């Protein structure tokens, strides 16, 4: 786990439909919309998460292990135009993310469990992926789908996201198939609000969150863990 990564704060909340609607409208007037969004400032995210044969990423999260890594391949709007290999690192209460764009043929190779050639690349992330796949037998385990609406502010690189319609692809690894059967892990559609920033949240943004999400409680929400809840591995 890299110790020299830039670390950021990440706060997560479950918010009600009313809080979602009101806060989204307020932020649309004071923050910048994500340039990747459509006319409604939304886009679909699909991530294929990897874990070891012993499900270390899952159990480390469930056990509250302070320092941990999580590997995934991410695409947008079910397209192969942009494919990102990412490693999200948590160090105590802070997070960081390494990301690299990869071509579809390499993506398919990783999904097939073949790390051949990654050890010779100049990318530290691909080198780490090679190590994890060969030593710890990292392999793809679950698709995670949701729709994101995001707002940005340059101060402290604030990023506020509304993640809706979370769905699990169960054990499917068919990353580019938009028709993969998926199921929601929640009984009701929940909106997950995420707030990311560098060192401190600008006071006026904090005040907006306190005003319009007064009853929302910060929680260690993991989309990955929720989407694997159908496998009965939590016990």
Protein backbone atom coordinates (compact mmCIF):
# COMPACT_ATOMS: atom_id res chain seq x y z
CA UNK A 1 0.00 0.00 0.00
CA UNK A 2 1.52 3.29 -1.09
CA UNK A 3 2.17 5.71 1.80
CA UNK A 4 2.97 8.72 -0.41
CA UNK A 5 -0.47 9.02 -2.01
CA UNK A 6 -2.39 12.30 -1.65
CA UNK A 7 -5.02 11.59 0.99
CA UNK A 8 -8.55 13.00 1.07
CA UNK A 9 -11.53 13.00 3.38
CA UNK A 10 -14.62 11.08 2.33
CA UNK A 11 -17.94 11.37 4.14
CA UNK A 12 -20.89 9.13 3.23
CA UNK A 13 -24.56 9.40 4.13
CA UNK A 14 -27.86 7.74 3.37
CA UNK A 15 -30.31 10.56 2.61
CA UNK A 16 -34.08 10.60 2.16
CA UNK A 17 -35.80 11.31 -1.17
CA UNK A 18 -36.78 14.78 0.07
CA UNK A 19 -33.23 15.57 1.18
CA UNK A 20 -31.95 14.27 -2.14
CA UNK A 21 -34.31 16.45 -4.17
CA UNK A 22 -33.81 19.64 -2.15
CA UNK A 23 -30.04 19.43 -1.72
CA UNK A 24 -29.52 18.56 -5.38
CA UNK A 25 -31.49 21.63 -6.43
CA UNK A 26 -29.59 23.89 -4.01
CA UNK A 27 -26.16 22.63 -5.07
CA UNK A 28 -27.02 23.05 -8.75
CA UNK A 29 -27.16 26.80 -8.10
CA UNK A 30 -23.94 27.18 -6.11
CA UNK A 31 -21.52 24.51 -7.37
CA UNK A 32 -20.26 23.41 -10.77
CA UNK A 33 -21.91 20.39 -12.41
CA UNK A 34 -19.72 17.45 -13.35
CA UNK A 35 -18.61 18.03 -16.98
CA UNK A 36 -19.13 14.31 -17.65
CA UNK A 37 -22.86 14.48 -16.93
CA UNK A 38 -25.69 14.55 -19.45
CA UNK A 39 -28.33 17.29 -19.71
CA UNK A 40 -29.56 16.20 -16.27
CA UNK A 41 -26.00 16.17 -14.87
CA UNK A 42 -26.11 12.38 -14.54
CA UNK A 43 -24.19 9.40 -15.88
CA UNK A 44 -24.18 5.66 -15.27
CA UNK A 45 -21.23 4.06 -13.51
CA UNK A 46 -20.43 0.37 -13.66
CA UNK A 47 -17.56 -1.07 -11.64
CA UNK A 48 -16.24 -4.61 -11.69
CA UNK A 49 -14.65 -5.25 -8.31
CA UNK A 50 -11.82 -7.69 -7.68
CA UNK A 51 -11.10 -9.65 -4.53
CA UNK A 52 -8.79 -12.45 -3.44
CA UNK A 53 -9.84 -16.08 -3.27
CA UNK A 54 -10.23 -15.54 0.49
CA UNK A 55 -12.37 -12.40 -0.01
CA UNK A 56 -9.89 -10.27 1.89
CA UNK A 57 -11.27 -6.95 0.63
CA UNK A 58 -14.77 -7.92 1.76
CA UNK A 59 -13.76 -9.20 5.19
CA UNK A 60 -11.31 -6.36 5.82
CA UNK A 61 -14.19 -3.93 5.29
CA UNK A 62 -16.60 -5.92 7.46
CA UNK A 63 -13.96 -6.25 10.20
CA UNK A 64 -13.15 -2.54 10.12
CA UNK A 65 -9.50 -2.99 9.15
CA UNK A 66 -8.00 0.51 9.14
CA UNK A 67 -5.66 0.26 6.14
CA UNK A 68 -6.84 -1.56 3.03
CA UNK A 69 -6.86 -1.56 -0.78
CA UNK A 70 -9.71 -2.29 -3.19
CA UNK A 71 -9.20 -2.91 -6.93
CA UNK A 72 -11.79 -2.34 -9.62
CA UNK A 73 -12.31 -1.67 -13.32
CA UNK A 74 -14.74 1.16 -14.01
CA UNK A 75 -16.65 2.21 -17.13
CA UNK A 76 -19.23 4.91 -17.82
CA UNK A 77 -22.61 4.59 -19.54
CA UNK A 78 -21.78 0.94 -20.36
CA UNK A 79 -19.26 2.11 -22.98
CA UNK A 80 -15.67 1.00 -23.60
CA UNK A 81 -14.68 4.53 -24.66
CA UNK A 82 -13.10 5.13 -21.23
CA UNK A 83 -11.97 2.15 -19.15
CA UNK A 84 -10.26 2.83 -15.83
CA UNK A 85 -8.31 0.41 -13.68
CA UNK A 86 -8.39 1.81 -10.16
CA UNK A 87 -7.11 1.03 -6.70
CA UNK A 88 -8.88 2.79 -3.85
CA UNK A 89 -6.77 2.96 -0.71
CA UNK A 90 -8.05 3.66 2.79
CA UNK A 91 -5.57 4.73 5.46
CA UNK A 92 -7.32 5.14 8.82
CA UNK A 93 -10.11 7.64 8.06
CA UNK A 94 -8.61 9.02 4.83
CA UNK A 95 -8.82 7.76 1.26
CA UNK A 96 -6.85 7.99 -1.95
CA UNK A 97 -7.29 6.61 -5.43
CA UNK A 98 -4.86 5.60 -8.16
CA UNK A 99 -6.30 5.32 -11.64
CA UNK A 100 -5.04 4.49 -15.12
CA UNK A 101 -6.84 4.24 -18.45
CA UNK A 102 -6.50 0.83 -20.07
CA UNK A 103 -7.51 -0.51 -23.51
CA UNK A 104 -10.34 -3.00 -23.87
CA UNK A 105 -8.04 -5.90 -24.77
CA UNK A 106 -6.12 -5.47 -21.51
CA UNK A 107 -9.41 -5.12 -19.65
CA UNK A 108 -10.64 -8.42 -21.08
CA UNK A 109 -7.32 -10.02 -20.16
CA UNK A 110 -7.67 -8.94 -16.53
CA UNK A 111 -11.29 -10.10 -16.38
CA UNK A 112 -10.09 -13.51 -17.63
CA UNK A 113 -7.63 -13.62 -14.71
CA UNK A 114 -4.50 -13.29 -16.86
CA UNK A 115 -1.85 -10.85 -15.51
CA UNK A 116 0.73 -11.71 -18.20
CA UNK A 117 2.94 -8.76 -19.08
CA UNK A 118 1.79 -6.41 -16.30
CA UNK A 119 5.09 -6.86 -14.47
CA UNK A 120 7.01 -5.27 -17.36
CA UNK A 121 4.94 -2.08 -17.62
CA UNK A 122 6.07 1.29 -16.32
CA UNK A 123 2.85 1.73 -14.35
CA UNK A 124 3.11 1.13 -10.63
CA UNK A 125 -0.62 0.37 -10.51
CA UNK A 126 -0.33 -2.31 -13.21
CA UNK A 127 2.72 -3.74 -11.42
CA UNK A 128 0.68 -3.93 -8.22
CA UNK A 129 -2.18 -5.58 -10.09
CA UNK A 130 0.26 -8.21 -11.36
CA UNK A 131 1.46 -8.90 -7.81
CA UNK A 132 -2.06 -9.13 -6.40
CA UNK A 133 -3.25 -11.44 -9.19
CA UNK A 134 -0.25 -13.77 -8.97
CA UNK A 135 0.45 -13.80 -5.23
CA UNK A 136 -2.98 -13.23 -3.70
CA UNK A 137 -5.04 -14.64 -6.61
CA UNK A 138 -7.05 -11.48 -7.14
CA UNK A 139 -9.99 -12.07 -9.49
CA UNK A 140 -13.25 -10.31 -10.50
CA UNK A 141 -16.18 -10.97 -8.19
CA UNK A 142 -19.12 -8.57 -8.64
CA UNK A 143 -20.55 -5.84 -10.85
CA UNK A 144 -21.76 -2.68 -9.12
CA UNK A 145 -24.08 -0.32 -11.04
CA UNK A 146 -25.49 3.07 -10.09
CA UNK A 147 -26.40 6.47 -11.51
CA UNK A 148 -24.35 9.45 -10.33
CA UNK A 149 -25.09 13.15 -10.15
CA UNK A 150 -22.03 15.18 -9.13
CA UNK A 151 -21.11 18.74 -8.18
CA UNK A 152 -17.65 20.28 -7.88
CA UNK A 153 -15.98 23.21 -6.17
CA UNK A 154 -12.32 24.17 -6.76
CA UNK A 155 -11.63 25.07 -3.12
CA UNK A 156 -10.19 21.97 -1.43
CA UNK A 157 -11.22 20.04 -4.58
CA UNK A 158 -14.66 19.45 -3.12
CA UNK A 159 -16.72 16.80 -4.91
CA UNK A 160 -20.28 16.03 -3.82
CA UNK A 161 -22.05 13.10 -5.44
CA UNK A 162 -25.56 11.68 -5.32
CA UNK A 163 -25.42 7.96 -6.14
CA UNK A 164 -28.80 6.46 -6.95
CA UNK A 165 -30.30 3.17 -8.16
CA UNK A 166 -27.54 0.97 -6.75
CA UNK A 167 -27.73 -2.52 -8.24
CA UNK A 168 -25.66 -5.67 -7.94
CA UNK A 169 -24.68 -7.85 -10.89
CA UNK A 170 -24.17 -10.69 -8.42
CA UNK A 171 -21.38 -12.94 -9.75
CA UNK A 172 -21.46 -11.70 -13.35
CA UNK A 173 -18.25 -10.33 -14.85
CA UNK A 174 -19.85 -9.33 -18.18
CA UNK A 175 -18.69 -5.75 -17.80
CA UNK A 176 -19.75 -4.32 -21.16
CA UNK A 177 -23.18 -5.97 -21.38
CA UNK A 178 -25.86 -3.39 -20.49
CA UNK A 179 -28.44 -6.17 -20.25
CA UNK A 180 -26.78 -8.11 -17.42
CA UNK A 181 -29.46 -9.03 -14.85
CA UNK A 182 -29.01 -6.88 -11.75
CA UNK A 183 -30.84 -6.57 -8.44
CA UNK A 184 -31.03 -3.77 -5.87
CA UNK A 185 -29.40 -4.59 -2.51
CA UNK A 186 -31.74 -2.21 -0.68
CA UNK A 187 -35.39 -2.83 0.13
CA UNK A 188 -36.14 0.73 -0.99
CA UNK A 189 -34.20 2.91 -3.41
CA UNK A 190 -31.63 4.68 -1.25
CA UNK A 191 -29.55 7.68 -2.27
CA UNK A 192 -25.96 7.65 -1.10
CA UNK A 193 -24.47 11.12 -0.64
CA UNK A 194 -20.68 11.28 -0.75
CA UNK A 195 -18.64 14.35 0.14
CA UNK A 196 -14.93 14.35 -0.73
CA UNK A 197 -12.42 17.11 0.01
CA UNK A 198 -8.73 17.59 0.76
CA UNK A 199 -8.05 19.10 4.20
CA UNK A 200 -11.17 20.97 5.23
CA UNK A 201 -14.67 21.47 3.88
CA UNK A 202 -15.42 25.15 3.08
CA UNK A 203 -17.73 26.49 5.82
CA UNK A 204 -20.56 27.55 3.52
CA UNK A 205 -20.72 24.07 1.97
CA UNK A 206 -20.69 22.49 5.41
CA UNK A 207 -23.53 24.82 6.41
CA UNK A 208 -25.56 23.78 3.37
CA UNK A 209 -25.11 20.11 4.22
CA UNK A 210 -26.02 20.72 7.86
CA UNK A 211 -29.12 22.68 6.80
CA UNK A 212 -30.52 20.35 4.16
CA UNK A 213 -29.28 17.00 5.53
CA UNK A 214 -29.61 17.78 9.21
CA UNK A 215 -30.73 14.27 10.19
CA UNK A 216 -28.35 12.36 7.95
CA UNK A 217 -25.75 10.42 9.91
CA UNK A 218 -22.31 9.80 8.50
CA UNK A 219 -21.86 6.09 7.82
CA UNK A 220 -19.14 3.75 6.53
CA UNK A 221 -21.23 2.81 3.49
CA UNK A 222 -19.64 0.40 1.01
CA UNK A 223 -21.38 -0.17 -2.31
CA UNK A 224 -19.08 -3.13 -2.85
CA UNK A 225 -20.10 -4.79 0.42
CA UNK A 226 -23.79 -4.12 -0.15
CA UNK A 227 -23.61 -5.63 -3.63
CA UNK A 228 -22.02 -8.81 -2.31
CA UNK A 229 -24.60 -9.20 0.46
CA UNK A 230 -26.52 -11.80 -1.58
CA UNK A 231 -23.65 -14.28 -1.31
CA UNK A 232 -24.11 -14.96 2.42
CA UNK A 233 -20.43 -14.36 3.20
CA UNK A 234 -20.93 -11.91 6.06
CA UNK A 235 -21.28 -14.57 8.76
